[in-house]
Amino acid sequence: FLAGEVPESSGELLQKCGDAVDRAARGKQVVLIDGVGFPAVGSICGTSNAHVAKACGYPIVSTDNSLRRQRKAMGVLLVGGSGVGAAVDSYNLNATYFMHNHVPVLGAVFNKLSVEGFYSLENCREQVSRYFDQYQ
């Protein structure tokens, strides 16, 4: 990609993403888009999950009749892993990447939790909630 051996630029690829979401969104109130891997996946090509979130965001109607199409970045919901420390650390790292790229983080879902044991849903929910309650 960096050597220019691909037929499309980052901007063209992102434009295609935005156009595809626009087509899928016609007549719908909500559109859910699933990212891939970590937030920075694709950043070497200028197509990270943050870039895609901005490219597929809400179209902004121009008040100056310009032909340039702008978008407001859609919010993202992060999906965290199991446990407490690693789950919170991962959230903070991933949320920081999105925020640095001006993509709002709406919240997180922490899954992959056991029903019983030290890393059970009940134990992890209590500790993770205690962490995030500090910021309310």
Protein backbone atom coordinates (compact mmCIF):
# COMPACT_ATOMS: atom_id res chain seq x y z
CA PHE A 1 0.00 0.00 0.00
CA LEU A 2 2.69 2.48 0.98
CA ALA A 3 4.55 1.78 -2.27
CA GLY A 4 1.46 2.82 -4.24
CA GLU A 5 0.85 -0.62 -5.68
CA VAL A 6 -2.88 -0.53 -4.89
CA PRO A 7 -5.38 0.95 -7.32
CA GLU A 8 -7.25 3.02 -4.70
CA SER A 9 -6.17 5.60 -2.15
CA SER A 10 -7.19 5.58 1.52
CA GLY A 11 -9.66 8.36 0.79
CA GLU A 12 -11.27 6.40 -2.04
CA LEU A 13 -11.58 3.28 0.11
CA LEU A 14 -13.13 5.28 2.95
CA GLN A 15 -15.52 6.98 0.53
CA LYS A 16 -16.68 3.54 -0.61
CA CYS A 17 -17.28 2.54 3.02
CA GLY A 18 -19.34 5.66 3.66
CA ASP A 19 -21.35 5.15 0.47
CA ALA A 20 -22.05 1.51 1.38
CA VAL A 21 -23.29 2.50 4.85
CA ASP A 22 -25.47 5.22 3.32
CA ARG A 23 -27.09 2.63 1.05
CA ALA A 24 -27.61 0.20 3.94
CA ALA A 25 -29.03 2.98 6.15
CA ARG A 26 -31.79 4.09 3.77
CA GLY A 27 -35.12 3.78 5.57
CA LYS A 28 -33.51 2.64 8.83
CA GLN A 29 -33.38 4.35 12.21
CA VAL A 30 -30.31 2.49 13.48
CA VAL A 31 -27.32 1.00 11.68
CA LEU A 32 -24.78 -1.07 13.59
CA ILE A 33 -21.31 -1.48 12.10
CA ASP A 34 -18.90 -4.06 13.49
CA GLY A 35 -15.24 -3.06 13.41
CA VAL A 36 -12.37 -5.51 13.09
CA GLY A 37 -9.68 -6.21 15.67
CA PHE A 38 -8.24 -3.31 17.61
CA PRO A 39 -9.04 0.36 16.90
CA ALA A 40 -5.77 0.96 15.04
CA VAL A 41 -6.08 -2.04 12.68
CA GLY A 42 -5.56 -0.67 9.16
CA SER A 43 -3.83 2.52 10.28
CA ILE A 44 -0.83 1.75 8.06
CA CYS A 45 -3.21 2.30 5.13
CA GLY A 46 -5.13 5.20 6.67
CA THR A 47 -8.15 2.95 7.15
CA SER A 48 -8.18 2.23 10.88
CA ASN A 49 -11.44 1.59 12.71
CA ALA A 50 -11.36 5.25 13.76
CA HIS A 51 -10.97 6.37 10.13
CA VAL A 52 -13.84 4.09 9.09
CA ALA A 53 -16.04 5.38 11.95
CA LYS A 54 -15.52 8.92 10.67
CA ALA A 55 -16.02 7.96 7.02
CA CYS A 56 -19.28 6.15 7.82
CA GLY A 57 -20.62 8.77 10.21
CA TYR A 58 -23.63 11.01 9.92
CA PRO A 59 -23.77 13.11 6.75
CA ILE A 60 -23.71 16.82 7.55
CA VAL A 61 -25.89 19.05 5.40
CA SER A 62 -23.85 21.98 4.16
CA THR A 63 -25.26 25.43 4.89
CA ASP A 64 -23.05 27.12 2.31
CA ASN A 65 -24.19 24.99 -0.66
CA SER A 66 -20.70 23.58 -1.13
CA LEU A 67 -20.44 20.28 -2.92
CA ARG A 68 -18.01 18.91 -0.37
CA ARG A 69 -19.62 16.18 1.69
CA GLN A 70 -18.74 16.16 5.37
CA ARG A 71 -19.58 13.67 8.09
CA LYS A 72 -19.77 13.65 11.84
CA ALA A 73 -18.04 10.61 13.32
CA MET A 74 -20.40 7.99 14.67
CA GLY A 75 -19.97 6.93 18.27
CA VAL A 76 -18.36 3.60 19.06
CA LEU A 77 -19.15 0.97 21.65
CA LEU A 78 -16.04 -0.89 22.76
CA VAL A 79 -16.12 -4.61 23.52
CA GLY A 80 -13.80 -5.61 26.34
CA GLY A 81 -12.45 -8.93 27.44
CA SER A 82 -12.64 -10.92 30.61
CA GLY A 83 -11.23 -10.11 34.01
CA VAL A 84 -10.84 -6.74 35.66
CA GLY A 85 -7.40 -5.21 35.23
CA ALA A 86 -6.83 -6.28 31.64
CA ALA A 87 -10.40 -5.37 30.70
CA VAL A 88 -10.11 -1.85 32.12
CA ASP A 89 -6.60 -1.35 30.72
CA SER A 90 -7.75 -2.47 27.28
CA TYR A 91 -10.75 -0.14 27.45
CA ASN A 92 -8.55 2.83 28.37
CA LEU A 93 -6.05 2.13 25.59
CA ASN A 94 -8.71 1.61 22.93
CA ALA A 95 -10.86 4.54 24.05
CA THR A 96 -7.82 6.82 23.97
CA TYR A 97 -7.11 5.91 20.35
CA PHE A 98 -10.66 6.73 19.30
CA MET A 99 -10.77 9.96 21.30
CA HIS A 100 -7.42 11.03 19.84
CA ASN A 101 -9.01 10.59 16.41
CA HIS A 102 -12.10 12.60 17.45
CA VAL A 103 -14.44 9.61 17.51
CA PRO A 104 -16.80 9.58 20.52
CA VAL A 105 -16.76 6.52 22.76
CA LEU A 106 -20.31 5.76 23.92
CA GLY A 107 -19.43 3.00 26.38
CA ALA A 108 -18.27 -0.57 26.64
CA VAL A 109 -19.51 -4.12 26.91
CA PHE A 110 -17.35 -6.49 28.93
CA ASN A 111 -17.99 -10.10 28.03
CA LYS A 112 -16.32 -13.52 27.98
CA LEU A 113 -16.90 -13.90 31.72
CA SER A 114 -17.35 -17.14 33.64
CA VAL A 115 -20.53 -17.87 35.54
CA GLU A 116 -18.59 -19.00 38.62
CA GLY A 117 -15.21 -18.43 40.21
CA PHE A 118 -12.92 -15.50 40.88
CA TYR A 119 -13.45 -14.03 37.39
CA SER A 120 -17.20 -14.60 37.43
CA LEU A 121 -19.63 -12.13 35.94
CA GLU A 122 -20.75 -11.06 39.42
CA ASN A 123 -17.23 -10.41 40.77
CA CYS A 124 -15.98 -8.67 37.63
CA ARG A 125 -19.12 -6.54 37.29
CA GLU A 126 -18.64 -5.25 40.83
CA GLN A 127 -14.98 -4.32 40.34
CA VAL A 128 -15.28 -2.89 36.83
CA SER A 129 -18.33 -0.86 37.89
CA ARG A 130 -16.43 0.43 40.92
CA TYR A 131 -13.64 1.62 38.61
CA PHE A 132 -15.97 3.47 36.22
CA ASP A 133 -18.10 4.90 39.06
CA GLN A 134 -15.09 7.07 39.97
CA TYR A 135 -15.69 9.10 36.81
CA GLN A 136 -19.39 9.84 37.14
